[in-house]
Amino acid sequence: MSERDPHGGAQRPGVVIVEEHLARRLGRAAALSARWRVLALESFEALSRVQRAERPALVLLSVDPAHPGAATRAAQRAKTELSPPRVGLLCHGRVDDPAALVLGCGADGWLGGEVTEATLNAWVAQVMRGERPITQDPAPRRGLLGRLWGR
């Protein structure tokens, strides 16, 4: 991750993505690689070693909506490093209270639901600026009226 910015010669901020699902990992890495140096990992086990070696500005952790514990523990470990990065939680589904998860593990942001390239880049830029965005798709409307109104 020692890539230099071709425009100014300065080193671009690094982003580490931890995502088990291959297609999502590659898609997110491709979406972010135009603006940031990206390193994509498959599991949380290598995160501490990579974090010490690369000193990324942001660590993005994938959250399993059914079992968020592994990601929240990894976020807590990432925040205990000597120079802790910002930590963002990405979830491909929905959880009931993302704000509680973010506060509970000390993360810097939450992005849940269907994520487009533009949404991901805008959200990462917010986290890099020090904002603490909690963004999640609205709950789908149920029943006949919900289907008629187009969700």
C-alpha atoms as a PDB file:
ATOM      1  CA  MET A   1       0.000   0.000   0.000  1.00  0.00           C
ATOM      2  CA  SER A   2       2.887   2.367  -0.655  1.00  0.00           C
ATOM      3  CA  GLU A   3       1.247   3.728  -3.795  1.00  0.00           C
ATOM      4  CA  ARG A   4       1.722   7.449  -4.385  1.00  0.00           C
ATOM      5  CA  ASP A   5      -0.915   9.821  -5.692  1.00  0.00           C
ATOM      6  CA  PRO A   6      -0.056  10.542  -9.348  1.00  0.00           C
ATOM      7  CA  HIS A   7      -1.309  14.128  -9.064  1.00  0.00           C
ATOM      8  CA  GLY A   8       0.629  15.419  -6.087  1.00  0.00           C
ATOM      9  CA  GLY A   9       3.192  12.781  -5.230  1.00  0.00           C
ATOM     10  CA  ALA A  10       1.790  12.482  -1.711  1.00  0.00           C
ATOM     11  CA  GLN A  11       0.743   9.137  -0.383  1.00  0.00           C
ATOM     12  CA  ARG A  12      -3.009   8.539  -0.628  1.00  0.00           C
ATOM     13  CA  PRO A  13      -4.823   7.462   2.552  1.00  0.00           C
ATOM     14  CA  GLY A  14      -5.127   3.703   2.845  1.00  0.00           C
ATOM     15  CA  VAL A  15      -8.309   1.712   3.290  1.00  0.00           C
ATOM     16  CA  VAL A  16      -8.410  -1.893   4.476  1.00  0.00           C
ATOM     17  CA  ILE A  17     -11.584  -3.842   3.683  1.00  0.00           C
ATOM     18  CA  VAL A  18     -12.375  -7.043   5.575  1.00  0.00           C
ATOM     19  CA  GLU A  19     -15.109  -8.982   3.768  1.00  0.00           C
ATOM     20  CA  GLU A  20     -15.559 -12.766   3.570  1.00  0.00           C
ATOM     21  CA  HIS A  21     -17.839 -12.701   0.516  1.00  0.00           C
ATOM     22  CA  LEU A  22     -15.569 -12.589  -2.559  1.00  0.00           C
ATOM     23  CA  ALA A  23     -17.872 -10.689  -4.937  1.00  0.00           C
ATOM     24  CA  ARG A  24     -18.660  -7.981  -2.365  1.00  0.00           C
ATOM     25  CA  ARG A  25     -14.975  -7.712  -1.377  1.00  0.00           C
ATOM     26  CA  LEU A  26     -13.848  -7.242  -4.985  1.00  0.00           C
ATOM     27  CA  GLY A  27     -16.717  -4.872  -5.797  1.00  0.00           C
ATOM     28  CA  ARG A  28     -16.020  -2.644  -2.810  1.00  0.00           C
ATOM     29  CA  ALA A  29     -12.286  -2.637  -3.486  1.00  0.00           C
ATOM     30  CA  ALA A  30     -12.877  -1.655  -7.118  1.00  0.00           C
ATOM     31  CA  ALA A  31     -15.302   1.093  -6.097  1.00  0.00           C
ATOM     32  CA  LEU A  32     -12.810   2.656  -3.684  1.00  0.00           C
ATOM     33  CA  SER A  33      -9.543   2.158  -5.571  1.00  0.00           C
ATOM     34  CA  ALA A  34      -9.882   5.326  -7.668  1.00  0.00           C
ATOM     35  CA  ARG A  35      -9.625   7.591  -4.606  1.00  0.00           C
ATOM     36  CA  TRP A  36      -7.830   5.507  -1.973  1.00  0.00           C
ATOM     37  CA  ARG A  37      -5.194   2.821  -1.689  1.00  0.00           C
ATOM     38  CA  VAL A  38      -7.152  -0.343  -0.973  1.00  0.00           C
ATOM     39  CA  LEU A  39      -6.152  -3.633   0.595  1.00  0.00           C
ATOM     40  CA  ALA A  40      -8.901  -6.272   0.759  1.00  0.00           C
ATOM     41  CA  LEU A  41      -8.741  -9.083   3.323  1.00  0.00           C
ATOM     42  CA  GLU A  42     -10.877 -12.181   3.611  1.00  0.00           C
ATOM     43  CA  SER A  43     -10.952 -12.534   7.410  1.00  0.00           C
ATOM     44  CA  PHE A  44     -10.465 -10.637  10.652  1.00  0.00           C
ATOM     45  CA  GLU A  45      -7.455 -12.774  11.708  1.00  0.00           C
ATOM     46  CA  ALA A  46      -4.883 -10.918   9.590  1.00  0.00           C
ATOM     47  CA  LEU A  47      -6.231  -7.453  10.400  1.00  0.00           C
ATOM     48  CA  SER A  48      -3.951  -6.652  13.367  1.00  0.00           C
ATOM     49  CA  ARG A  49      -0.792  -7.597  11.479  1.00  0.00           C
ATOM     50  CA  VAL A  50      -1.824  -5.675   8.361  1.00  0.00           C
ATOM     51  CA  GLN A  51      -2.908  -2.696  10.428  1.00  0.00           C
ATOM     52  CA  ARG A  52       0.489  -2.461  12.150  1.00  0.00           C
ATOM     53  CA  ALA A  53       2.379  -2.828   8.865  1.00  0.00           C
ATOM     54  CA  GLU A  54       0.278  -0.537   6.668  1.00  0.00           C
ATOM     55  CA  ARG A  55      -1.145   2.052   9.103  1.00  0.00           C
ATOM     56  CA  PRO A  56      -4.375   2.556   7.111  1.00  0.00           C
ATOM     57  CA  ALA A  57      -6.490   5.652   7.632  1.00  0.00           C
ATOM     58  CA  LEU A  58      -9.688   3.586   7.556  1.00  0.00           C
ATOM     59  CA  VAL A  59     -10.645  -0.027   8.240  1.00  0.00           C
ATOM     60  CA  LEU A  60     -13.965  -1.205   6.789  1.00  0.00           C
ATOM     61  CA  LEU A  61     -15.374  -4.295   8.473  1.00  0.00           C
ATOM     62  CA  SER A  62     -18.171  -6.380   7.003  1.00  0.00           C
ATOM     63  CA  VAL A  63     -20.930  -7.159   9.498  1.00  0.00           C
ATOM     64  CA  ASP A  64     -23.072 -10.287   9.357  1.00  0.00           C
ATOM     65  CA  PRO A  65     -26.538  -8.960  10.293  1.00  0.00           C
ATOM     66  CA  ALA A  66     -27.402 -12.200  12.100  1.00  0.00           C
ATOM     67  CA  HIS A  67     -24.133 -12.331  14.086  1.00  0.00           C
ATOM     68  CA  PRO A  68     -22.488  -8.899  14.414  1.00  0.00           C
ATOM     69  CA  GLY A  69     -20.232  -9.952  17.309  1.00  0.00           C
ATOM     70  CA  ALA A  70     -17.141 -10.870  15.261  1.00  0.00           C
ATOM     71  CA  ALA A  71     -17.084  -7.515  13.482  1.00  0.00           C
ATOM     72  CA  THR A  72     -17.673  -5.521  16.650  1.00  0.00           C
ATOM     73  CA  ARG A  73     -14.831  -7.363  18.429  1.00  0.00           C
ATOM     74  CA  ALA A  74     -12.548  -6.677  15.445  1.00  0.00           C
ATOM     75  CA  ALA A  75     -13.536  -2.991  15.568  1.00  0.00           C
ATOM     76  CA  GLN A  76     -12.674  -2.825  19.260  1.00  0.00           C
ATOM     77  CA  ARG A  77      -9.281  -4.474  18.616  1.00  0.00           C
ATOM     78  CA  ALA A  78      -8.570  -2.085  15.736  1.00  0.00           C
ATOM     79  CA  LYS A  79      -9.262   0.891  18.001  1.00  0.00           C
ATOM     80  CA  THR A  80      -6.720  -0.322  20.597  1.00  0.00           C
ATOM     81  CA  GLU A  81      -3.708  -0.028  18.271  1.00  0.00           C
ATOM     82  CA  LEU A  82      -1.087   2.667  18.935  1.00  0.00           C
ATOM     83  CA  SER A  83      -2.325   4.862  16.101  1.00  0.00           C
ATOM     84  CA  PRO A  84      -5.886   3.641  15.621  1.00  0.00           C
ATOM     85  CA  PRO A  85      -7.548   4.147  12.249  1.00  0.00           C
ATOM     86  CA  ARG A  86     -11.107   5.176  11.740  1.00  0.00           C
ATOM     87  CA  VAL A  87     -13.318   2.081  11.668  1.00  0.00           C
ATOM     88  CA  GLY A  88     -16.432   1.753   9.526  1.00  0.00           C
ATOM     89  CA  LEU A  89     -18.938  -1.078   9.652  1.00  0.00           C
ATOM     90  CA  LEU A  90     -20.503  -2.293   6.389  1.00  0.00           C
ATOM     91  CA  CYS A  91     -23.566  -4.520   6.421  1.00  0.00           C
ATOM     92  CA  HIS A  92     -25.217  -6.069   3.381  1.00  0.00           C
ATOM     93  CA  GLY A  93     -28.468  -6.437   5.325  1.00  0.00           C
ATOM     94  CA  ARG A  94     -30.358  -4.540   8.006  1.00  0.00           C
ATOM     95  CA  VAL A  95     -30.073  -4.507  11.782  1.00  0.00           C
ATOM     96  CA  ASP A  96     -32.563  -3.054  14.235  1.00  0.00           C
ATOM     97  CA  ASP A  97     -30.277  -0.539  15.956  1.00  0.00           C
ATOM     98  CA  PRO A  98     -27.064   0.236  14.052  1.00  0.00           C
ATOM     99  CA  ALA A  99     -26.333   3.247  16.281  1.00  0.00           C
ATOM    100  CA  ALA A 100     -26.073   0.977  19.329  1.00  0.00           C
ATOM    101  CA  LEU A 101     -23.607  -1.296  17.504  1.00  0.00           C
ATOM    102  CA  VAL A 102     -21.491   1.681  16.431  1.00  0.00           C
ATOM    103  CA  LEU A 103     -21.418   3.169  19.920  1.00  0.00           C
ATOM    104  CA  GLY A 104     -20.859  -0.199  21.574  1.00  0.00           C
ATOM    105  CA  CYS A 105     -17.681  -0.996  19.661  1.00  0.00           C
ATOM    106  CA  GLY A 106     -16.345   2.534  19.142  1.00  0.00           C
ATOM    107  CA  ALA A 107     -16.731   2.473  15.364  1.00  0.00           C
ATOM    108  CA  ASP A 108     -16.808   5.674  13.332  1.00  0.00           C
ATOM    109  CA  GLY A 109     -19.699   4.866  11.009  1.00  0.00           C
ATOM    110  CA  TRP A 110     -22.258   2.386   9.691  1.00  0.00           C
ATOM    111  CA  LEU A 111     -23.418   1.693   6.160  1.00  0.00           C
ATOM    112  CA  GLY A 112     -26.158  -0.885   5.736  1.00  0.00           C
ATOM    113  CA  GLY A 113     -28.370  -2.219   2.983  1.00  0.00           C
ATOM    114  CA  GLU A 114     -27.839  -2.135  -0.763  1.00  0.00           C
ATOM    115  CA  VAL A 115     -24.715  -0.098  -1.490  1.00  0.00           C
ATOM    116  CA  THR A 116     -23.870   1.531  -4.806  1.00  0.00           C
ATOM    117  CA  GLU A 117     -20.399   2.725  -5.771  1.00  0.00           C
ATOM    118  CA  ALA A 118     -21.411   6.376  -5.365  1.00  0.00           C
ATOM    119  CA  THR A 119     -22.989   5.735  -1.958  1.00  0.00           C
ATOM    120  CA  LEU A 120     -19.921   3.858  -0.743  1.00  0.00           C
ATOM    121  CA  ASN A 121     -17.494   6.563  -1.902  1.00  0.00           C
ATOM    122  CA  ALA A 122     -19.578   9.352  -0.358  1.00  0.00           C
ATOM    123  CA  TRP A 123     -19.896   7.467   2.927  1.00  0.00           C
ATOM    124  CA  VAL A 124     -16.155   6.698   3.097  1.00  0.00           C
ATOM    125  CA  ALA A 125     -15.390  10.374   2.424  1.00  0.00           C
ATOM    126  CA  GLN A 126     -17.644  11.320   5.353  1.00  0.00           C
ATOM    127  CA  VAL A 127     -15.863   8.890   7.667  1.00  0.00           C
ATOM    128  CA  MET A 128     -12.451  10.144   6.493  1.00  0.00           C
ATOM    129  CA  ARG A 129     -13.515  13.720   7.329  1.00  0.00           C
ATOM    130  CA  GLY A 130     -14.280  12.651  10.890  1.00  0.00           C
ATOM    131  CA  GLU A 131     -18.042  12.583  10.594  1.00  0.00           C
ATOM    132  CA  ARG A 132     -19.817   9.610  12.153  1.00  0.00           C
ATOM    133  CA  PRO A 133     -22.427   8.702   9.503  1.00  0.00           C
ATOM    134  CA  ILE A 134     -24.975   6.011  10.266  1.00  0.00           C
ATOM    135  CA  THR A 135     -26.697   5.191   6.986  1.00  0.00           C
ATOM    136  CA  GLN A 136     -29.086   2.312   6.380  1.00  0.00           C
ATOM    137  CA  ASP A 137     -31.748   1.624   3.771  1.00  0.00           C
ATOM    138  CA  PRO A 138     -35.227   2.366   5.119  1.00  0.00           C
ATOM    139  CA  ALA A 139     -37.236  -0.606   6.281  1.00  0.00           C
ATOM    140  CA  PRO A 140     -39.320  -2.067   3.466  1.00  0.00           C
ATOM    141  CA  ARG A 141     -43.023  -1.408   3.714  1.00  0.00           C
ATOM    142  CA  ARG A 142     -45.103  -4.478   4.319  1.00  0.00           C
ATOM    143  CA  GLY A 143     -48.404  -5.533   2.844  1.00  0.00           C
ATOM    144  CA  LEU A 144     -50.494  -4.458  -0.096  1.00  0.00           C
ATOM    145  CA  LEU A 145     -50.160  -0.695   0.431  1.00  0.00           C
ATOM    146  CA  GLY A 146     -46.392  -0.972   0.611  1.00  0.00           C
ATOM    147  CA  ARG A 147     -46.289  -2.796  -2.700  1.00  0.00           C
ATOM    148  CA  LEU A 148     -48.700  -0.325  -4.296  1.00  0.00           C
ATOM    149  CA  TRP A 149     -46.655   2.680  -3.164  1.00  0.00           C
ATOM    150  CA  GLY A 150     -43.478   1.104  -4.519  1.00  0.00           C
ATOM    151  CA  ARG A 151     -41.915   0.555  -1.105  1.00  0.00           C
END
